[in-house]
Amino acid sequence: MNTSVRARRWLLVLALVLPFAVVTTAPASAVCAAGREAAAAAAAPIKVWLAGDSTVANASTCPIGWGSRFDPLFTDDVTVVNSAAGGRSIQTWLYDPNVTGTKDSAGECVISPQTYSTRWQAMLDASTGMKAGDYLFVQFGINDGTTACPRHVGSARYKQLLGVMASAARARGAQPVFVTPVAAITCSGSTAVGNRGFVTETFDAGTANGVPVIDLHRRSVALYNSLRLCPNNGDYTQGAVGAFFCNDHTHFEAAGAAQIAAVVAQALREQGISLAGYLR
């Protein structure tokens, strides 16, 4: 066979093989690129935003909220931004300082002007606030039952405002999580019992908005019973109850706050909330 015939045959072979080489390698490259993008997305840092009252808020001395002990429970991919503030109902947290001392015809506190608080505005900020992949935890219900304004919030209004917060989080790609109010220590003989309102309302709002609810009220009572904090003589300066609570029956010492934070973390695992994947 002469050289020119061999050359033509090799060209024919190459013409048949090369297109398949291109077709078979391109999808592999695409798969690798997609895998790299997925891995990068999975490793992207997220923020857990907290809204609540003094039982959640940051502090170095009593009262210490469980939110101040939440961040160390997560890997370095998670940052907890705690915007809880003492003495707030859900409405005063959202609208400080614009909730007045006057009630309207429906029995709700008048808000004037209808402007959000700086803490909620910060969470809503398009550049530095909640973003896709973040979480918003909301725990109120302890101060909301106050009869007088500005802290008073009725049941329907409470559920409405939880819905407002959930919708705002989702609009920014964040996942809302509702938390029932943590219990104070109240004993019936040797048994700790529940003592908070707005538990049912929190579950109602969760159902209405498709938001997971962590029942911290029930879980905290179970914790108090496991620690045998009842009965006690009402002296919150000594013993197991004194190590857990401040000099009252409501707020936490550092050790108590850490244990409540651990209860919330355990709820994430047990309820299959995806943030649990970032727990240490």
C-alpha atoms as a PDB file:
ATOM      1  CA  MET A   1       0.000   0.000   0.000  1.00  0.00           C
ATOM      2  CA  ASN A   2       1.475   3.330  -1.008  1.00  0.00           C
ATOM      3  CA  THR A   3       1.937   6.272   1.329  1.00  0.00           C
ATOM      4  CA  SER A   4      -0.928   8.346  -0.037  1.00  0.00           C
ATOM      5  CA  VAL A   5      -3.471   5.549   0.515  1.00  0.00           C
ATOM      6  CA  ARG A   6      -2.288   5.039   4.111  1.00  0.00           C
ATOM      7  CA  ALA A   7      -2.594   8.771   4.782  1.00  0.00           C
ATOM      8  CA  ARG A   8      -6.142   8.877   3.434  1.00  0.00           C
ATOM      9  CA  ARG A   9      -7.171   5.911   5.641  1.00  0.00           C
ATOM     10  CA  TRP A  10      -5.717   7.540   8.795  1.00  0.00           C
ATOM     11  CA  LEU A  11      -7.576  10.737   8.008  1.00  0.00           C
ATOM     12  CA  LEU A  12     -10.801   8.741   7.678  1.00  0.00           C
ATOM     13  CA  VAL A  13     -10.226   7.062  11.062  1.00  0.00           C
ATOM     14  CA  LEU A  14      -9.531  10.383  12.742  1.00  0.00           C
ATOM     15  CA  ALA A  15     -12.636  11.902  11.198  1.00  0.00           C
ATOM     16  CA  LEU A  16     -14.739   9.084  12.663  1.00  0.00           C
ATOM     17  CA  VAL A  17     -13.141   9.051  16.143  1.00  0.00           C
ATOM     18  CA  LEU A  18     -12.606  12.704  17.022  1.00  0.00           C
ATOM     19  CA  PRO A  19     -16.293  13.739  17.155  1.00  0.00           C
ATOM     20  CA  PHE A  20     -16.957  10.965  19.697  1.00  0.00           C
ATOM     21  CA  ALA A  21     -13.973  12.083  21.784  1.00  0.00           C
ATOM     22  CA  VAL A  22     -15.433  15.559  22.012  1.00  0.00           C
ATOM     23  CA  VAL A  23     -18.900  14.267  22.866  1.00  0.00           C
ATOM     24  CA  THR A  24     -17.695  11.922  25.601  1.00  0.00           C
ATOM     25  CA  THR A  25     -15.386  14.397  27.373  1.00  0.00           C
ATOM     26  CA  ALA A  26     -17.727  17.415  27.396  1.00  0.00           C
ATOM     27  CA  PRO A  27     -20.338  15.949  29.762  1.00  0.00           C
ATOM     28  CA  ALA A  28     -17.605  14.864  32.200  1.00  0.00           C
ATOM     29  CA  SER A  29     -16.313  18.423  32.334  1.00  0.00           C
ATOM     30  CA  ALA A  30     -19.798  19.735  32.888  1.00  0.00           C
ATOM     31  CA  VAL A  31     -20.380  17.266  35.731  1.00  0.00           C
ATOM     32  CA  CYS A  32     -17.108  18.292  37.400  1.00  0.00           C
ATOM     33  CA  ALA A  33     -18.006  21.975  37.110  1.00  0.00           C
ATOM     34  CA  ALA A  34     -21.475  21.333  38.550  1.00  0.00           C
ATOM     35  CA  GLY A  35     -19.911  19.379  41.403  1.00  0.00           C
ATOM     36  CA  ARG A  36     -17.516  22.202  42.189  1.00  0.00           C
ATOM     37  CA  GLU A  37     -20.374  24.715  42.215  1.00  0.00           C
ATOM     38  CA  ALA A  38     -22.466  22.505  44.499  1.00  0.00           C
ATOM     39  CA  ALA A  39     -19.542  22.042  46.883  1.00  0.00           C
ATOM     40  CA  ALA A  40     -18.904  25.789  46.962  1.00  0.00           C
ATOM     41  CA  ALA A  41     -22.572  26.467  47.685  1.00  0.00           C
ATOM     42  CA  ALA A  42     -22.604  23.885  50.479  1.00  0.00           C
ATOM     43  CA  ALA A  43     -19.551  25.473  52.072  1.00  0.00           C
ATOM     44  CA  ALA A  44     -20.870  29.033  51.809  1.00  0.00           C
ATOM     45  CA  PRO A  45     -21.102  30.715  55.225  1.00  0.00           C
ATOM     46  CA  ILE A  46     -24.595  31.306  56.551  1.00  0.00           C
ATOM     47  CA  LYS A  47     -26.077  33.455  59.298  1.00  0.00           C
ATOM     48  CA  VAL A  48     -28.599  32.528  61.933  1.00  0.00           C
ATOM     49  CA  TRP A  49     -30.594  35.623  62.878  1.00  0.00           C
ATOM     50  CA  LEU A  50     -32.293  35.688  66.300  1.00  0.00           C
ATOM     51  CA  ALA A  51     -35.280  37.826  67.273  1.00  0.00           C
ATOM     52  CA  GLY A  52     -36.571  37.586  70.825  1.00  0.00           C
ATOM     53  CA  ASP A  53     -36.660  38.953  74.364  1.00  0.00           C
ATOM     54  CA  SER A  54     -34.296  38.855  77.357  1.00  0.00           C
ATOM     55  CA  THR A  55     -34.394  35.048  77.574  1.00  0.00           C
ATOM     56  CA  VAL A  56     -32.663  35.028  74.154  1.00  0.00           C
ATOM     57  CA  ALA A  57     -30.564  38.212  74.289  1.00  0.00           C
ATOM     58  CA  ASN A  58     -26.791  38.551  74.563  1.00  0.00           C
ATOM     59  CA  ALA A  59     -25.328  39.446  77.962  1.00  0.00           C
ATOM     60  CA  SER A  60     -22.221  38.728  80.011  1.00  0.00           C
ATOM     61  CA  THR A  61     -24.020  38.719  83.381  1.00  0.00           C
ATOM     62  CA  CYS A  62     -27.556  37.892  84.479  1.00  0.00           C
ATOM     63  CA  PRO A  63     -29.857  37.826  82.684  1.00  0.00           C
ATOM     64  CA  ILE A  64     -28.057  35.794  80.006  1.00  0.00           C
ATOM     65  CA  GLY A  65     -30.171  34.660  77.063  1.00  0.00           C
ATOM     66  CA  TRP A  66     -29.734  31.266  75.401  1.00  0.00           C
ATOM     67  CA  GLY A  67     -28.963  33.050  72.107  1.00  0.00           C
ATOM     68  CA  SER A  68     -25.633  34.184  73.538  1.00  0.00           C
ATOM     69  CA  ARG A  69     -24.616  30.518  73.882  1.00  0.00           C
ATOM     70  CA  PHE A  70     -25.907  29.357  70.490  1.00  0.00           C
ATOM     71  CA  ASP A  71     -23.002  30.241  68.176  1.00  0.00           C
ATOM     72  CA  PRO A  72     -20.392  27.891  69.765  1.00  0.00           C
ATOM     73  CA  LEU A  73     -22.636  24.913  68.996  1.00  0.00           C
ATOM     74  CA  PHE A  74     -22.086  25.338  65.235  1.00  0.00           C
ATOM     75  CA  THR A  75     -19.171  24.901  62.871  1.00  0.00           C
ATOM     76  CA  ASP A  76     -17.251  27.905  61.605  1.00  0.00           C
ATOM     77  CA  ASP A  77     -19.561  28.059  58.575  1.00  0.00           C
ATOM     78  CA  VAL A  78     -22.289  29.539  60.784  1.00  0.00           C
ATOM     79  CA  THR A  79     -22.457  32.979  62.411  1.00  0.00           C
ATOM     80  CA  VAL A  80     -25.223  33.760  64.898  1.00  0.00           C
ATOM     81  CA  VAL A  81     -26.501  37.349  64.766  1.00  0.00           C
ATOM     82  CA  ASN A  82     -28.421  37.898  67.985  1.00  0.00           C
ATOM     83  CA  SER A  83     -30.794  40.866  67.847  1.00  0.00           C
ATOM     84  CA  ALA A  84     -32.964  39.850  70.788  1.00  0.00           C
ATOM     85  CA  ALA A  85     -33.734  42.670  73.224  1.00  0.00           C
ATOM     86  CA  GLY A  86     -34.934  42.530  76.815  1.00  0.00           C
ATOM     87  CA  GLY A  87     -38.510  43.429  77.700  1.00  0.00           C
ATOM     88  CA  ARG A  88     -39.865  43.241  74.174  1.00  0.00           C
ATOM     89  CA  SER A  89     -43.050  41.765  72.847  1.00  0.00           C
ATOM     90  CA  ILE A  90     -43.057  40.819  69.182  1.00  0.00           C
ATOM     91  CA  GLN A  91     -44.645  44.176  68.353  1.00  0.00           C
ATOM     92  CA  THR A  92     -42.289  46.393  70.339  1.00  0.00           C
ATOM     93  CA  TRP A  93     -39.330  44.437  68.932  1.00  0.00           C
ATOM     94  CA  LEU A  94     -40.552  45.134  65.409  1.00  0.00           C
ATOM     95  CA  TYR A  95     -41.657  48.741  65.883  1.00  0.00           C
ATOM     96  CA  ASP A  96     -39.537  50.339  68.649  1.00  0.00           C
ATOM     97  CA  PRO A  97     -39.908  53.193  69.568  1.00  0.00           C
ATOM     98  CA  ASN A  98     -43.193  53.749  67.771  1.00  0.00           C
ATOM     99  CA  VAL A  99     -45.628  51.616  69.781  1.00  0.00           C
ATOM    100  CA  THR A 100     -47.678  54.048  71.853  1.00  0.00           C
ATOM    101  CA  GLY A 101     -49.392  53.638  75.210  1.00  0.00           C
ATOM    102  CA  THR A 102     -52.841  53.962  73.611  1.00  0.00           C
ATOM    103  CA  LYS A 103     -55.095  51.140  72.429  1.00  0.00           C
ATOM    104  CA  ASP A 104     -57.247  51.268  69.319  1.00  0.00           C
ATOM    105  CA  SER A 105     -60.864  50.091  68.991  1.00  0.00           C
ATOM    106  CA  ALA A 106     -59.654  46.495  68.541  1.00  0.00           C
ATOM    107  CA  GLY A 107     -57.730  46.641  71.815  1.00  0.00           C
ATOM    108  CA  GLU A 108     -54.302  46.702  70.149  1.00  0.00           C
ATOM    109  CA  CYS A 109     -51.575  49.235  70.845  1.00  0.00           C
ATOM    110  CA  VAL A 110     -51.455  52.069  68.331  1.00  0.00           C
ATOM    111  CA  ILE A 111     -48.250  52.280  66.261  1.00  0.00           C
ATOM    112  CA  SER A 112     -47.304  55.772  65.144  1.00  0.00           C
ATOM    113  CA  PRO A 113     -45.528  56.194  62.841  1.00  0.00           C
ATOM    114  CA  GLN A 114     -45.722  52.782  61.145  1.00  0.00           C
ATOM    115  CA  THR A 115     -41.951  52.511  60.881  1.00  0.00           C
ATOM    116  CA  TYR A 116     -39.918  49.404  61.694  1.00  0.00           C
ATOM    117  CA  SER A 117     -37.265  49.373  64.414  1.00  0.00           C
ATOM    118  CA  THR A 118     -33.624  49.671  63.395  1.00  0.00           C
ATOM    119  CA  ARG A 119     -33.018  46.026  64.420  1.00  0.00           C
ATOM    120  CA  TRP A 120     -35.648  44.713  61.989  1.00  0.00           C
ATOM    121  CA  GLN A 121     -34.561  47.119  59.284  1.00  0.00           C
ATOM    122  CA  ALA A 122     -31.031  45.731  59.637  1.00  0.00           C
ATOM    123  CA  MET A 123     -32.284  42.208  59.020  1.00  0.00           C
ATOM    124  CA  LEU A 124     -34.234  43.399  55.978  1.00  0.00           C
ATOM    125  CA  ASP A 125     -31.295  45.275  54.463  1.00  0.00           C
ATOM    126  CA  ALA A 126     -30.720  44.036  50.914  1.00  0.00           C
ATOM    127  CA  SER A 127     -26.932  44.191  51.218  1.00  0.00           C
ATOM    128  CA  THR A 128     -26.147  43.171  54.788  1.00  0.00           C
ATOM    129  CA  GLY A 129     -29.330  41.535  56.063  1.00  0.00           C
ATOM    130  CA  MET A 130     -30.907  38.124  55.582  1.00  0.00           C
ATOM    131  CA  LYS A 131     -29.937  36.268  52.412  1.00  0.00           C
ATOM    132  CA  ALA A 132     -30.492  32.938  50.733  1.00  0.00           C
ATOM    133  CA  GLY A 133     -29.395  30.067  52.960  1.00  0.00           C
ATOM    134  CA  ASP A 134     -29.768  32.007  56.225  1.00  0.00           C
ATOM    135  CA  TYR A 135     -32.177  31.224  59.074  1.00  0.00           C
ATOM    136  CA  LEU A 136     -34.427  33.442  61.182  1.00  0.00           C
ATOM    137  CA  PHE A 137     -35.374  32.195  64.672  1.00  0.00           C
ATOM    138  CA  VAL A 138     -38.255  34.034  66.348  1.00  0.00           C
ATOM    139  CA  GLN A 139     -39.120  33.581  70.042  1.00  0.00           C
ATOM    140  CA  PHE A 140     -41.607  35.841  71.789  1.00  0.00           C
ATOM    141  CA  GLY A 141     -44.675  35.382  74.002  1.00  0.00           C
ATOM    142  CA  ILE A 142     -43.313  36.188  77.470  1.00  0.00           C
ATOM    143  CA  ASN A 143     -43.984  39.940  77.514  1.00  0.00           C
ATOM    144  CA  ASP A 144     -46.777  39.936  74.943  1.00  0.00           C
ATOM    145  CA  GLY A 145     -49.464  38.981  77.464  1.00  0.00           C
ATOM    146  CA  THR A 146     -49.033  42.275  79.354  1.00  0.00           C
ATOM    147  CA  THR A 147     -52.401  44.015  79.493  1.00  0.00           C
ATOM    148  CA  ALA A 148     -51.013  47.535  79.129  1.00  0.00           C
ATOM    149  CA  CYS A 149     -49.380  49.134  76.108  1.00  0.00           C
ATOM    150  CA  PRO A 150     -46.820  49.320  74.673  1.00  0.00           C
ATOM    151  CA  ARG A 151     -46.012  45.627  75.284  1.00  0.00           C
ATOM    152  CA  HIS A 152     -49.540  44.245  74.968  1.00  0.00           C
ATOM    153  CA  VAL A 153     -50.234  42.068  71.911  1.00  0.00           C
ATOM    154  CA  GLY A 154     -53.480  40.177  71.283  1.00  0.00           C
ATOM    155  CA  SER A 155     -53.551  36.593  70.012  1.00  0.00           C
ATOM    156  CA  ALA A 156     -54.594  37.417  66.447  1.00  0.00           C
ATOM    157  CA  ARG A 157     -52.076  40.240  66.186  1.00  0.00           C
ATOM    158  CA  TYR A 158     -49.320  38.000  67.544  1.00  0.00           C
ATOM    159  CA  LYS A 159     -49.972  35.379  64.870  1.00  0.00           C
ATOM    160  CA  GLN A 160     -50.186  38.055  62.187  1.00  0.00           C
ATOM    161  CA  LEU A 161     -46.791  39.497  63.105  1.00  0.00           C
ATOM    162  CA  LEU A 162     -45.148  36.060  63.138  1.00  0.00           C
ATOM    163  CA  GLY A 163     -46.479  35.659  59.609  1.00  0.00           C
ATOM    164  CA  VAL A 164     -45.047  39.022  58.588  1.00  0.00           C
ATOM    165  CA  MET A 165     -41.605  37.989  59.821  1.00  0.00           C
ATOM    166  CA  ALA A 166     -41.779  34.584  58.145  1.00  0.00           C
ATOM    167  CA  SER A 167     -42.794  36.114  54.804  1.00  0.00           C
ATOM    168  CA  ALA A 168     -39.995  38.682  54.967  1.00  0.00           C
ATOM    169  CA  ALA A 169     -37.410  35.976  55.671  1.00  0.00           C
ATOM    170  CA  ARG A 170     -38.616  33.791  52.813  1.00  0.00           C
ATOM    171  CA  ALA A 171     -38.674  36.720  50.418  1.00  0.00           C
ATOM    172  CA  ARG A 172     -34.916  36.943  50.995  1.00  0.00           C
ATOM    173  CA  GLY A 173     -34.334  33.201  50.694  1.00  0.00           C
ATOM    174  CA  ALA A 174     -33.969  32.634  54.457  1.00  0.00           C
ATOM    175  CA  GLN A 175     -35.699  29.866  56.425  1.00  0.00           C
ATOM    176  CA  PRO A 176     -37.885  31.027  59.348  1.00  0.00           C
ATOM    177  CA  VAL A 177     -38.160  28.929  62.519  1.00  0.00           C
ATOM    178  CA  PHE A 178     -40.650  29.747  65.284  1.00  0.00           C
ATOM    179  CA  VAL A 179     -39.780  28.981  68.913  1.00  0.00           C
ATOM    180  CA  THR A 180     -42.344  28.825  71.720  1.00  0.00           C
ATOM    181  CA  PRO A 181     -41.483  30.909  74.811  1.00  0.00           C
ATOM    182  CA  VAL A 182     -39.023  29.249  77.173  1.00  0.00           C
ATOM    183  CA  ALA A 183     -40.561  28.349  80.522  1.00  0.00           C
ATOM    184  CA  ALA A 184     -39.785  29.918  83.862  1.00  0.00           C
ATOM    185  CA  ILE A 185     -39.293  27.542  86.784  1.00  0.00           C
ATOM    186  CA  THR A 186     -42.673  26.907  88.397  1.00  0.00           C
ATOM    187  CA  CYS A 187     -43.166  23.895  90.627  1.00  0.00           C
ATOM    188  CA  SER A 188     -46.197  21.832  91.455  1.00  0.00           C
ATOM    189  CA  GLY A 189     -44.767  19.861  94.327  1.00  0.00           C
ATOM    190  CA  SER A 190     -41.736  18.072  92.940  1.00  0.00           C
ATOM    191  CA  THR A 191     -42.697  18.615  89.304  1.00  0.00           C
ATOM    192  CA  ALA A 192     -41.869  21.567  87.047  1.00  0.00           C
ATOM    193  CA  VAL A 193     -44.917  22.712  85.083  1.00  0.00           C
ATOM    194  CA  GLY A 194     -45.610  24.973  82.118  1.00  0.00           C
ATOM    195  CA  ASN A 195     -46.348  28.625  82.742  1.00  0.00           C
ATOM    196  CA  ARG A 196     -46.251  30.585  79.486  1.00  0.00           C
ATOM    197  CA  GLY A 197     -48.893  31.908  77.144  1.00  0.00           C
ATOM    198  CA  PHE A 198     -48.788  32.199  73.345  1.00  0.00           C
ATOM    199  CA  VAL A 199     -47.652  28.594  72.916  1.00  0.00           C
ATOM    200  CA  THR A 200     -50.787  27.639  70.975  1.00  0.00           C
ATOM    201  CA  GLU A 201     -50.592  30.847  68.951  1.00  0.00           C
ATOM    202  CA  THR A 202     -47.014  30.055  67.949  1.00  0.00           C
ATOM    203  CA  PHE A 203     -48.044  26.620  66.691  1.00  0.00           C
ATOM    204  CA  ASP A 204     -51.055  28.123  64.898  1.00  0.00           C
ATOM    205  CA  ALA A 205     -48.788  30.599  63.108  1.00  0.00           C
ATOM    206  CA  GLY A 206     -46.379  27.802  62.227  1.00  0.00           C
ATOM    207  CA  THR A 207     -49.175  25.773  60.653  1.00  0.00           C
ATOM    208  CA  ALA A 208     -50.626  28.774  58.811  1.00  0.00           C
ATOM    209  CA  ASN A 209     -47.255  29.768  57.376  1.00  0.00           C
ATOM    210  CA  GLY A 210     -45.655  26.356  56.885  1.00  0.00           C
ATOM    211  CA  VAL A 211     -42.902  27.192  59.387  1.00  0.00           C
ATOM    212  CA  PRO A 212     -41.281  24.602  61.687  1.00  0.00           C
ATOM    213  CA  VAL A 213     -41.925  25.211  65.391  1.00  0.00           C
ATOM    214  CA  ILE A 214     -39.501  24.270  68.158  1.00  0.00           C
ATOM    215  CA  ASP A 215     -41.526  23.790  71.330  1.00  0.00           C
ATOM    216  CA  LEU A 216     -38.979  25.236  73.718  1.00  0.00           C
ATOM    217  CA  HIS A 217     -41.664  25.720  76.331  1.00  0.00           C
ATOM    218  CA  ARG A 218     -42.300  21.972  76.614  1.00  0.00           C
ATOM    219  CA  ARG A 219     -38.648  21.053  76.171  1.00  0.00           C
ATOM    220  CA  SER A 220     -37.462  23.481  78.869  1.00  0.00           C
ATOM    221  CA  VAL A 221     -39.984  22.108  81.369  1.00  0.00           C
ATOM    222  CA  ALA A 222     -38.713  18.600  80.577  1.00  0.00           C
ATOM    223  CA  LEU A 223     -35.147  19.814  81.170  1.00  0.00           C
ATOM    224  CA  TYR A 224     -36.046  21.306  84.560  1.00  0.00           C
ATOM    225  CA  ASN A 225     -37.598  18.008  85.585  1.00  0.00           C
ATOM    226  CA  SER A 226     -34.567  16.026  84.407  1.00  0.00           C
ATOM    227  CA  LEU A 227     -32.366  18.299  86.540  1.00  0.00           C
ATOM    228  CA  ARG A 228     -34.763  17.972  89.493  1.00  0.00           C
ATOM    229  CA  LEU A 229     -35.078  21.716  89.980  1.00  0.00           C
ATOM    230  CA  CYS A 230     -38.350  21.116  91.857  1.00  0.00           C
ATOM    231  CA  PRO A 231     -39.228  21.382  94.602  1.00  0.00           C
ATOM    232  CA  ASN A 232     -37.324  24.472  95.721  1.00  0.00           C
ATOM    233  CA  ASN A 233     -37.793  27.028  98.455  1.00  0.00           C
ATOM    234  CA  GLY A 234     -37.842  30.002  96.107  1.00  0.00           C
ATOM    235  CA  ASP A 235     -34.273  31.006  96.921  1.00  0.00           C
ATOM    236  CA  TYR A 236     -32.666  31.380  93.490  1.00  0.00           C
ATOM    237  CA  THR A 237     -29.235  32.183  94.909  1.00  0.00           C
ATOM    238  CA  GLN A 238     -28.221  28.670  95.911  1.00  0.00           C
ATOM    239  CA  GLY A 239     -28.260  25.036  94.893  1.00  0.00           C
ATOM    240  CA  ALA A 240     -29.078  23.634  91.462  1.00  0.00           C
ATOM    241  CA  VAL A 241     -31.814  26.190  90.804  1.00  0.00           C
ATOM    242  CA  GLY A 242     -29.444  29.030  91.774  1.00  0.00           C
ATOM    243  CA  ALA A 243     -26.790  27.745  89.374  1.00  0.00           C
ATOM    244  CA  PHE A 244     -29.344  27.679  86.541  1.00  0.00           C
ATOM    245  CA  PHE A 245     -31.390  30.845  87.141  1.00  0.00           C
ATOM    246  CA  CYS A 246     -30.651  34.423  88.076  1.00  0.00           C
ATOM    247  CA  ASN A 247     -32.105  35.669  91.337  1.00  0.00           C
ATOM    248  CA  ASP A 248     -35.602  35.195  89.909  1.00  0.00           C
ATOM    249  CA  HIS A 249     -37.567  32.327  88.387  1.00  0.00           C
ATOM    250  CA  THR A 250     -37.283  33.489  84.758  1.00  0.00           C
ATOM    251  CA  HIS A 251     -33.793  34.490  83.589  1.00  0.00           C
ATOM    252  CA  PHE A 252     -30.659  32.405  83.204  1.00  0.00           C
ATOM    253  CA  GLU A 253     -27.165  32.265  84.570  1.00  0.00           C
ATOM    254  CA  ALA A 254     -24.494  31.334  82.003  1.00  0.00           C
ATOM    255  CA  ALA A 255     -24.830  27.616  82.774  1.00  0.00           C
ATOM    256  CA  GLY A 256     -28.591  27.715  82.384  1.00  0.00           C
ATOM    257  CA  ALA A 257     -28.398  29.656  79.127  1.00  0.00           C
ATOM    258  CA  ALA A 258     -25.933  27.114  77.721  1.00  0.00           C
ATOM    259  CA  GLN A 259     -28.243  24.219  78.589  1.00  0.00           C
ATOM    260  CA  ILE A 260     -31.252  25.908  76.981  1.00  0.00           C
ATOM    261  CA  ALA A 261     -29.198  26.571  73.834  1.00  0.00           C
ATOM    262  CA  ALA A 262     -28.300  22.878  73.765  1.00  0.00           C
ATOM    263  CA  VAL A 263     -32.001  22.006  74.000  1.00  0.00           C
ATOM    264  CA  VAL A 264     -32.708  24.155  70.918  1.00  0.00           C
ATOM    265  CA  ALA A 265     -29.831  22.462  69.074  1.00  0.00           C
ATOM    266  CA  GLN A 266     -31.180  19.020  69.973  1.00  0.00           C
ATOM    267  CA  ALA A 267     -34.582  20.046  68.611  1.00  0.00           C
ATOM    268  CA  LEU A 268     -32.934  20.900  65.287  1.00  0.00           C
ATOM    269  CA  ARG A 269     -31.588  17.344  65.081  1.00  0.00           C
ATOM    270  CA  GLU A 270     -34.771  15.617  66.190  1.00  0.00           C
ATOM    271  CA  GLN A 271     -37.033  17.655  63.906  1.00  0.00           C
ATOM    272  CA  GLY A 272     -34.786  17.269  60.881  1.00  0.00           C
ATOM    273  CA  ILE A 273     -34.308  21.009  60.384  1.00  0.00           C
ATOM    274  CA  SER A 274     -31.497  21.343  57.848  1.00  0.00           C
ATOM    275  CA  LEU A 275     -29.472  23.740  60.023  1.00  0.00           C
ATOM    276  CA  ALA A 276     -28.679  20.682  62.166  1.00  0.00           C
ATOM    277  CA  GLY A 277     -26.118  19.694  59.541  1.00  0.00           C
ATOM    278  CA  TYR A 278     -23.911  22.561  60.766  1.00  0.00           C
ATOM    279  CA  LEU A 279     -23.899  21.517  64.434  1.00  0.00           C
ATOM    280  CA  ARG A 280     -20.586  20.380  65.885  1.00  0.00           C
END
